Amino acid sequence: MSIIVKTDEEDNNSSKSPFAGIGKGFRSKIDSVKEYEVLEENEDIKDNYFYGMPFGLGYNEYINAQNLKRSLLDKYQGMELSEAIKGAEISGDFGNVFTIKDELKLDLKKLSREQAKEKMLSEIKLLYGIGNTKKRYLNSRGYKTIEDLIYHPVFSKEAKELVDLIDSMDSKKLMETISHWLSKSDELVYCCSGFHDKEDFLFFDIETLGLFNRPIILIGVAQFTGENLSINQYFLRDISQEPEALNQFFSHLNPKTVLVSYNGKSFDFPYIRERFAYYGMHGLTERTHFDMLHFSRRAWRSRYPNCRLITLEKHLFGIERNDDVPSALVPEFYEEYLRTGNVGPVIPIIEHNKQDLVTLTKIFSKLYEEWAK
């Protein structure tokens, strides 16, 4: 698997990135439009998303973030990024990008292939014409599973086809089938993850300079190897490093890779694809994708104030973030870094992204406990 790049002009110096001028141009015209709404002090933050991103920001949250930014500017004055956070520049086909690597002792709870098959075969509503009433009737006649319906005079043909599909463990087709008859957030869609090894899951999260046609400033990915979670974050010290960050994300993909995100189907992955197109980079294709936001809303929306990631990690895992930058303020903090050269405002962006990845894996495991045991 490789990336193809088309540029309008040949670069006579192969060591120079064809995108080197982008950062300079962007820094000269930083857009100060704020794509968030500061809510009144006592106004509840709902589970609101605008084009895939949360845009509600509590008044106290906003004030605390501004105070945090000022303190970070003082704390990190004159310090280099490599002094403030453990990481290093790495080189690739499209230049350099600052890379932070970490490894945590953490395991992933997931269904086995046998468990996934059993759960799907037990839901006869996956067959056309079977709703709740028909299901109760068929159950009373001894048709408890899709396999039982192979011997039914009406549903036999379709039941055989569905059994074959489940046996094929084609998660993409099964997710489409389940979403069509039930819902894209149904627990059986999540159960399709059982057809993949945990090493195949690529958990990812991005931070951007806005909602539309603006650079990605940080791409974080996490993958399991045994009982360890390996985290790689690709941070742009300058906007010109975006192509190499995209290239590094691409390097984590292989034919077996399955994506896992939080609202990434609507926002993160389409955004990455758009940035690929912006640079004329090709090779990024759609693949099986488990979006934990859909499942989280189904599992916990009625229990907690909202389904924002930080809300769920607080209620489900007892995690309280300190000195965190809200997602809506990431562009503002990064732009402060570009203007001043002070690395302070980007430190919590990197930490925020890392914590999002860790919480994402924990939510995946928590849904297993909720639905699959």
Protein backbone atom coordinates (compact mmCIF):
# COMPACT_ATOMS: atom_id res chain seq x y z
CA MET A 1 0.00 0.00 0.00
CA SER A 2 1.43 3.37 -0.99
CA ILE A 3 0.54 7.03 -1.32
CA ILE A 4 0.68 8.71 -4.70
CA VAL A 5 1.23 12.46 -4.79
CA LYS A 6 0.59 14.68 -7.78
CA THR A 7 2.07 18.17 -7.85
CA ASP A 8 1.81 20.83 -10.53
CA GLU A 9 5.56 21.37 -10.65
CA GLU A 10 8.52 19.01 -10.38
CA ASP A 11 10.65 19.53 -7.28
CA ASN A 12 14.24 19.58 -8.44
CA ASN A 13 15.52 19.18 -4.89
CA SER A 14 14.28 15.76 -3.70
CA SER A 15 15.15 16.54 -0.09
CA LYS A 16 12.76 19.47 -0.01
CA SER A 17 9.07 18.90 0.63
CA PRO A 18 6.82 20.11 -2.23
CA PHE A 19 4.59 21.64 0.46
CA ALA A 20 7.26 23.73 2.20
CA GLY A 21 5.62 27.06 1.38
CA ILE A 22 2.23 26.19 2.84
CA GLY A 23 3.10 26.90 6.46
CA LYS A 24 4.50 30.34 5.70
CA GLY A 25 1.42 31.29 3.75
CA PHE A 26 -0.98 30.07 6.39
CA ARG A 27 0.84 31.75 9.27
CA SER A 28 0.51 35.09 7.52
CA LYS A 29 -3.28 34.91 7.58
CA ILE A 30 -4.42 33.05 10.69
CA ASP A 31 -8.20 33.03 10.76
CA SER A 32 -9.55 34.29 14.08
CA VAL A 33 -13.16 33.18 13.55
CA LYS A 34 -14.35 31.22 16.58
CA GLU A 35 -16.36 28.11 15.73
CA TYR A 36 -17.88 27.61 19.16
CA GLU A 37 -20.51 29.15 21.39
CA VAL A 38 -19.83 30.17 24.99
CA LEU A 39 -22.92 29.27 26.99
CA GLU A 40 -24.32 31.11 29.97
CA GLU A 41 -22.88 30.20 33.38
CA ASN A 42 -25.85 28.07 34.45
CA GLU A 43 -26.79 26.75 31.01
CA ASP A 44 -26.46 23.00 30.55
CA ILE A 45 -24.11 21.69 27.88
CA LYS A 46 -26.15 19.33 25.76
CA ASP A 47 -24.90 16.55 23.54
CA ASN A 48 -24.69 19.01 20.63
CA TYR A 49 -22.56 18.48 17.54
CA PHE A 50 -22.09 20.86 14.63
CA TYR A 51 -20.77 19.17 11.50
CA GLY A 52 -19.47 16.43 13.73
CA MET A 53 -17.78 18.56 16.39
CA PRO A 54 -19.05 19.68 19.81
CA PHE A 55 -19.55 23.44 19.77
CA GLY A 56 -21.08 24.20 23.17
CA LEU A 57 -18.58 25.60 25.69
CA GLY A 58 -19.54 26.36 29.27
CA TYR A 59 -18.81 29.83 30.59
CA ASN A 60 -16.67 28.58 33.48
CA GLU A 61 -14.93 26.16 31.13
CA TYR A 62 -14.05 29.06 28.84
CA ILE A 63 -12.73 31.28 31.66
CA ASN A 64 -10.66 28.43 33.11
CA ALA A 65 -9.16 27.74 29.71
CA GLN A 66 -8.14 31.38 29.24
CA ASN A 67 -6.47 31.37 32.66
CA LEU A 68 -4.73 28.11 31.75
CA LYS A 69 -3.39 29.62 28.54
CA ARG A 70 -1.89 32.59 30.38
CA SER A 71 -0.23 30.35 32.95
CA LEU A 72 1.20 28.08 30.24
CA LEU A 73 2.68 31.03 28.38
CA ASP A 74 4.49 32.05 31.57
CA LYS A 75 5.60 28.51 32.48
CA TYR A 76 7.07 27.57 29.08
CA GLN A 77 8.53 30.93 28.06
CA GLY A 78 11.77 30.33 26.14
CA MET A 79 11.47 26.53 26.22
CA GLU A 80 11.80 24.27 23.18
CA LEU A 81 9.08 21.70 22.43
CA SER A 82 11.53 18.79 22.84
CA GLU A 83 12.34 20.14 26.31
CA ALA A 84 8.70 20.41 27.30
CA ILE A 85 7.53 17.03 26.04
CA LYS A 86 9.34 13.81 25.16
CA GLY A 87 9.39 13.50 21.39
CA ALA A 88 11.53 13.93 18.30
CA GLU A 89 11.42 14.96 14.66
CA ILE A 90 11.13 12.04 12.25
CA SER A 91 11.66 12.19 8.50
CA GLY A 92 9.48 10.67 5.82
CA ASP A 93 8.59 11.00 2.16
CA PHE A 94 7.06 14.45 2.67
CA GLY A 95 9.40 16.05 5.17
CA ASN A 96 9.52 16.02 8.95
CA VAL A 97 6.95 15.85 11.71
CA PHE A 98 7.31 15.96 15.49
CA THR A 99 6.45 12.53 16.90
CA ILE A 100 5.56 11.53 20.44
CA LYS A 101 5.58 7.82 21.32
CA ASP A 102 4.21 6.21 24.47
CA GLU A 103 3.29 2.75 25.66
CA LEU A 104 0.81 1.87 28.40
CA LYS A 105 -0.01 -1.37 30.16
CA LEU A 106 -3.61 -1.78 29.04
CA ASP A 107 -5.64 -4.59 27.54
CA LEU A 108 -8.72 -4.56 25.32
CA LYS A 109 -11.88 -6.48 26.15
CA LYS A 110 -13.68 -7.76 23.07
CA LEU A 111 -15.96 -10.50 21.82
CA SER A 112 -14.57 -13.68 20.35
CA ARG A 113 -15.62 -14.72 16.85
CA GLU A 114 -17.82 -17.44 18.34
CA GLN A 115 -19.58 -14.99 20.67
CA ALA A 116 -20.20 -12.56 17.82
CA LYS A 117 -21.69 -15.29 15.62
CA GLU A 118 -23.92 -16.58 18.41
CA LYS A 119 -25.33 -13.13 19.16
CA MET A 120 -26.13 -12.43 15.50
CA LEU A 121 -27.70 -15.83 14.88
CA SER A 122 -29.99 -15.26 17.88
CA GLU A 123 -31.58 -12.11 16.35
CA ILE A 124 -34.20 -13.26 13.85
CA LYS A 125 -35.33 -9.67 13.24
CA LEU A 126 -32.41 -9.44 10.81
CA LEU A 127 -34.68 -11.19 8.34
CA TYR A 128 -37.07 -9.21 6.16
CA GLY A 129 -40.64 -9.31 7.44
CA ILE A 130 -39.85 -10.15 11.05
CA GLY A 131 -40.65 -7.50 13.63
CA ASN A 132 -41.29 -7.78 17.35
CA THR A 133 -44.75 -9.35 16.98
CA LYS A 134 -43.64 -11.88 14.37
CA LYS A 135 -40.54 -12.66 16.43
CA ARG A 136 -42.65 -13.55 19.48
CA TYR A 137 -44.88 -15.75 17.35
CA LEU A 138 -41.94 -17.57 15.75
CA ASN A 139 -40.21 -18.00 19.09
CA SER A 140 -43.36 -19.63 20.46
CA ARG A 141 -43.22 -22.10 17.55
CA GLY A 142 -39.61 -23.06 18.33
CA TYR A 143 -37.81 -20.76 15.87
CA LYS A 144 -35.33 -19.13 18.24
CA THR A 145 -32.42 -18.46 15.89
CA ILE A 146 -31.71 -17.65 12.26
CA GLU A 147 -30.39 -21.19 11.88
CA ASP A 148 -33.76 -22.54 13.06
CA LEU A 149 -35.44 -20.55 10.29
CA ILE A 150 -33.52 -22.49 7.64
CA TYR A 151 -36.29 -25.08 8.10
CA HIS A 152 -39.14 -22.55 7.94
CA PRO A 153 -41.32 -22.73 4.79
CA VAL A 154 -41.28 -18.94 4.24
CA PHE A 155 -37.94 -17.73 5.62
CA SER A 156 -35.70 -20.65 4.61
CA LYS A 157 -33.90 -19.09 1.62
CA GLU A 158 -33.17 -15.76 3.28
CA ALA A 159 -32.13 -17.49 6.51
CA LYS A 160 -29.57 -19.60 4.64
CA GLU A 161 -28.13 -16.52 2.95
CA LEU A 162 -27.84 -14.69 6.26
CA VAL A 163 -26.19 -17.67 7.97
CA ASP A 164 -23.65 -17.77 5.13
CA LEU A 165 -22.99 -14.04 5.54
CA ILE A 166 -22.45 -14.43 9.29
CA ASP A 167 -20.14 -17.41 8.67
CA SER A 168 -18.13 -15.29 6.25
CA MET A 169 -17.40 -12.83 9.10
CA ASP A 170 -17.52 -9.96 6.60
CA SER A 171 -17.97 -7.23 9.20
CA LYS A 172 -18.50 -4.43 6.68
CA LYS A 173 -21.42 -6.19 4.94
CA LEU A 174 -22.85 -7.38 8.25
CA MET A 175 -22.73 -3.86 9.69
CA GLU A 176 -24.61 -2.58 6.65
CA THR A 177 -27.23 -5.34 6.99
CA ILE A 178 -27.74 -4.78 10.71
CA SER A 179 -27.89 -1.01 10.30
CA HIS A 180 -30.52 -1.39 7.58
CA TRP A 181 -32.90 -3.58 9.61
CA LEU A 182 -32.15 -2.37 13.12
CA SER A 183 -29.92 0.68 13.67
CA LYS A 184 -26.34 1.82 13.08
CA SER A 185 -26.01 2.09 16.87
CA ASP A 186 -27.43 -1.37 17.59
CA GLU A 187 -25.28 -3.52 19.82
CA LEU A 188 -25.07 -6.13 17.06
CA VAL A 189 -23.18 -3.59 14.93
CA TYR A 190 -20.69 -3.27 17.78
CA CYS A 191 -20.56 -7.08 18.03
CA CYS A 192 -19.14 -7.20 14.49
CA SER A 193 -15.88 -6.09 16.11
CA GLY A 194 -15.59 -9.65 17.40
CA PHE A 195 -14.61 -10.79 13.91
CA HIS A 196 -11.31 -8.90 14.16
CA ASP A 197 -8.18 -9.41 16.23
CA LYS A 198 -7.47 -6.64 18.72
CA GLU A 199 -4.18 -5.92 16.93
CA ASP A 200 -6.23 -4.96 13.84
CA PHE A 201 -7.95 -2.01 15.54
CA LEU A 202 -6.52 1.44 14.90
CA PHE A 203 -7.90 3.90 17.45
CA PHE A 204 -7.45 7.43 16.14
CA ASP A 205 -8.27 11.04 16.92
CA ILE A 206 -7.35 14.34 15.28
CA GLU A 207 -7.07 17.96 16.36
CA THR A 208 -7.70 20.62 13.73
CA LEU A 209 -7.60 24.36 13.24
CA GLY A 210 -11.33 24.49 12.58
CA LEU A 211 -14.28 22.72 11.04
CA PHE A 212 -13.78 23.44 7.35
CA ASN A 213 -10.77 23.21 5.04
CA ARG A 214 -8.18 24.00 7.66
CA PRO A 215 -5.05 22.04 8.57
CA ILE A 216 -4.94 19.08 10.92
CA ILE A 217 -2.41 19.99 13.61
CA LEU A 218 -2.22 16.67 15.46
CA ILE A 219 -3.01 13.07 14.56
CA GLY A 220 -3.02 10.50 17.34
CA VAL A 221 -3.20 6.74 16.81
CA ALA A 222 -3.20 3.85 19.26
CA GLN A 223 -2.78 0.12 18.65
CA PHE A 224 -2.68 -2.93 20.89
CA THR A 225 0.20 -5.39 20.98
CA GLY A 226 -0.52 -8.06 23.55
CA GLU A 227 -1.47 -6.30 26.79
CA ASN A 228 0.20 -3.04 25.83
CA LEU A 229 -1.26 0.00 24.11
CA SER A 230 1.18 1.79 21.81
CA ILE A 231 0.40 5.45 21.16
CA ASN A 232 1.89 7.55 18.37
CA GLN A 233 1.10 11.23 18.03
CA TYR A 234 2.14 13.32 15.05
CA PHE A 235 2.25 17.00 15.95
CA LEU A 236 2.80 19.86 13.50
CA ARG A 237 5.46 22.26 14.74
CA ASP A 238 4.58 24.18 11.60
CA ILE A 239 1.70 23.85 9.13
CA SER A 240 4.10 22.66 6.43
CA GLN A 241 4.46 19.38 8.36
CA GLU A 242 0.86 18.36 7.72
CA PRO A 243 1.58 16.16 4.66
CA GLU A 244 4.09 14.07 6.61
CA ALA A 245 1.66 13.73 9.52
CA LEU A 246 -0.91 12.40 7.03
CA ASN A 247 1.73 10.09 5.59
CA GLN A 248 2.53 8.72 9.05
CA PHE A 249 -1.17 8.07 9.71
CA PHE A 250 -1.33 6.19 6.41
CA SER A 251 1.68 4.08 7.43
CA HIS A 252 -0.39 2.50 10.22
CA LEU A 253 -2.94 1.11 7.75
CA ASN A 254 -2.76 -2.37 6.27
CA PRO A 255 -5.37 -4.63 4.62
CA LYS A 256 -6.58 -5.90 8.02
CA THR A 257 -6.79 -2.52 9.74
CA VAL A 258 -10.15 -1.58 11.27
CA LEU A 259 -10.78 1.99 12.39
CA VAL A 260 -12.15 2.95 15.81
CA SER A 261 -13.02 6.54 16.67
CA TYR A 262 -15.33 8.82 18.61
CA ASN A 263 -17.45 10.60 16.01
CA GLY A 264 -14.77 9.79 13.45
CA LYS A 265 -17.19 8.55 10.81
CA SER A 266 -18.77 11.98 10.59
CA PHE A 267 -15.74 14.14 11.25
CA ASP A 268 -12.22 12.73 11.71
CA PHE A 269 -11.96 10.32 8.79
CA PRO A 270 -13.74 12.54 6.22
CA TYR A 271 -11.50 15.39 7.38
CA ILE A 272 -8.35 13.31 6.88
CA ARG A 273 -9.60 12.24 3.46
CA GLU A 274 -10.22 15.89 2.57
CA ARG A 275 -6.69 16.86 3.61
CA PHE A 276 -5.31 14.02 1.49
CA ALA A 277 -7.19 15.43 -1.48
CA TYR A 278 -5.96 18.95 -0.73
CA TYR A 279 -2.35 17.81 -1.19
CA GLY A 280 -3.12 15.52 -4.12
CA MET A 281 -2.35 12.46 -2.01
CA HIS A 282 -4.13 9.25 -3.00
CA GLY A 283 -4.43 5.76 -1.57
CA LEU A 284 -6.68 6.36 1.45
CA THR A 285 -9.82 4.22 1.10
CA GLU A 286 -12.92 3.52 3.15
CA ARG A 287 -12.71 0.56 5.51
CA THR A 288 -14.60 -1.03 8.39
CA HIS A 289 -15.10 1.67 11.01
CA PHE A 290 -16.55 1.41 14.53
CA ASP A 291 -17.70 4.80 15.80
CA MET A 292 -18.00 4.66 19.59
CA LEU A 293 -20.15 7.82 19.73
CA HIS A 294 -23.12 6.00 18.18
CA PHE A 295 -22.85 3.07 20.60
CA SER A 296 -22.22 5.34 23.61
CA ARG A 297 -25.39 7.31 22.95
CA ARG A 298 -27.40 4.10 22.78
CA ALA A 299 -25.85 2.69 25.96
CA TRP A 300 -25.61 5.76 28.22
CA ARG A 301 -27.52 8.75 26.88
CA SER A 302 -30.35 8.30 29.40
CA ARG A 303 -27.93 7.91 32.34
CA TYR A 304 -25.58 10.86 32.01
CA PRO A 305 -25.89 14.60 31.22
CA ASN A 306 -24.41 14.15 27.73
CA CYS A 307 -22.19 11.79 25.77
CA ARG A 308 -19.15 13.98 25.40
CA LEU A 309 -15.99 11.96 25.86
CA ILE A 310 -14.91 13.81 29.00
CA THR A 311 -18.37 13.33 30.53
CA LEU A 312 -18.32 9.58 29.97
CA GLU A 313 -14.78 9.13 31.25
CA LYS A 314 -15.74 10.97 34.43
CA HIS A 315 -18.86 8.88 35.10
CA LEU A 316 -17.63 5.53 33.79
CA PHE A 317 -13.99 5.56 34.89
CA GLY A 318 -13.71 8.29 37.51
CA ILE A 319 -11.23 10.27 35.38
CA GLU A 320 -11.01 14.00 36.10
CA ARG A 321 -8.85 15.96 33.68
CA ASN A 322 -6.58 18.66 35.06
CA ASP A 323 -5.39 21.60 32.96
CA ASP A 324 -7.31 20.33 29.94
CA VAL A 325 -8.00 22.40 26.85
CA PRO A 326 -11.57 21.99 25.53
CA SER A 327 -11.76 20.71 21.94
CA ALA A 328 -13.46 23.92 20.81
CA LEU A 329 -10.46 25.98 21.97
CA VAL A 330 -7.74 23.86 20.38
CA PRO A 331 -7.47 26.20 17.33
CA GLU A 332 -7.16 29.24 19.58
CA PHE A 333 -4.40 27.64 21.67
CA TYR A 334 -2.48 26.47 18.60
CA GLU A 335 -2.76 29.85 16.91
CA GLU A 336 -1.30 31.43 20.06
CA TYR A 337 1.66 29.08 19.67
CA LEU A 338 2.10 30.08 15.99
CA ARG A 339 1.94 33.78 16.83
CA THR A 340 4.30 33.74 19.79
CA GLY A 341 6.51 30.68 19.28
CA ASN A 342 5.74 29.77 22.90
CA VAL A 343 5.11 26.01 23.16
CA GLY A 344 3.04 26.31 26.34
CA PRO A 345 -0.43 26.39 24.72
CA VAL A 346 0.20 23.20 22.70
CA ILE A 347 1.21 21.04 25.69
CA PRO A 348 -2.41 20.47 26.85
CA ILE A 349 -3.49 19.84 23.22
CA ILE A 350 -1.08 16.92 23.03
CA GLU A 351 -2.14 15.62 26.44
CA HIS A 352 -5.82 16.07 25.55
CA ASN A 353 -5.38 14.02 22.37
CA LYS A 354 -3.55 11.24 24.21
CA GLN A 355 -6.24 11.04 26.91
CA ASP A 356 -8.95 10.90 24.23
CA LEU A 357 -7.23 7.86 22.71
CA VAL A 358 -6.93 6.09 26.06
CA THR A 359 -10.56 6.82 26.95
CA LEU A 360 -11.63 5.60 23.51
CA THR A 361 -10.10 2.18 24.17
CA LYS A 362 -11.69 2.08 27.63
CA ILE A 363 -15.13 2.83 26.17
CA PHE A 364 -14.65 0.01 23.65
CA SER A 365 -13.96 -2.38 26.55
CA LYS A 366 -16.80 -0.95 28.67
CA LEU A 367 -19.30 -1.62 25.89
CA TYR A 368 -18.15 -5.24 25.89
CA GLU A 369 -19.01 -5.41 29.60
CA GLU A 370 -22.32 -3.66 28.96
CA TRP A 371 -23.55 -5.66 26.00
CA ALA A 372 -21.50 -8.71 25.25
CA LYS A 373 -20.94 -10.67 28.47
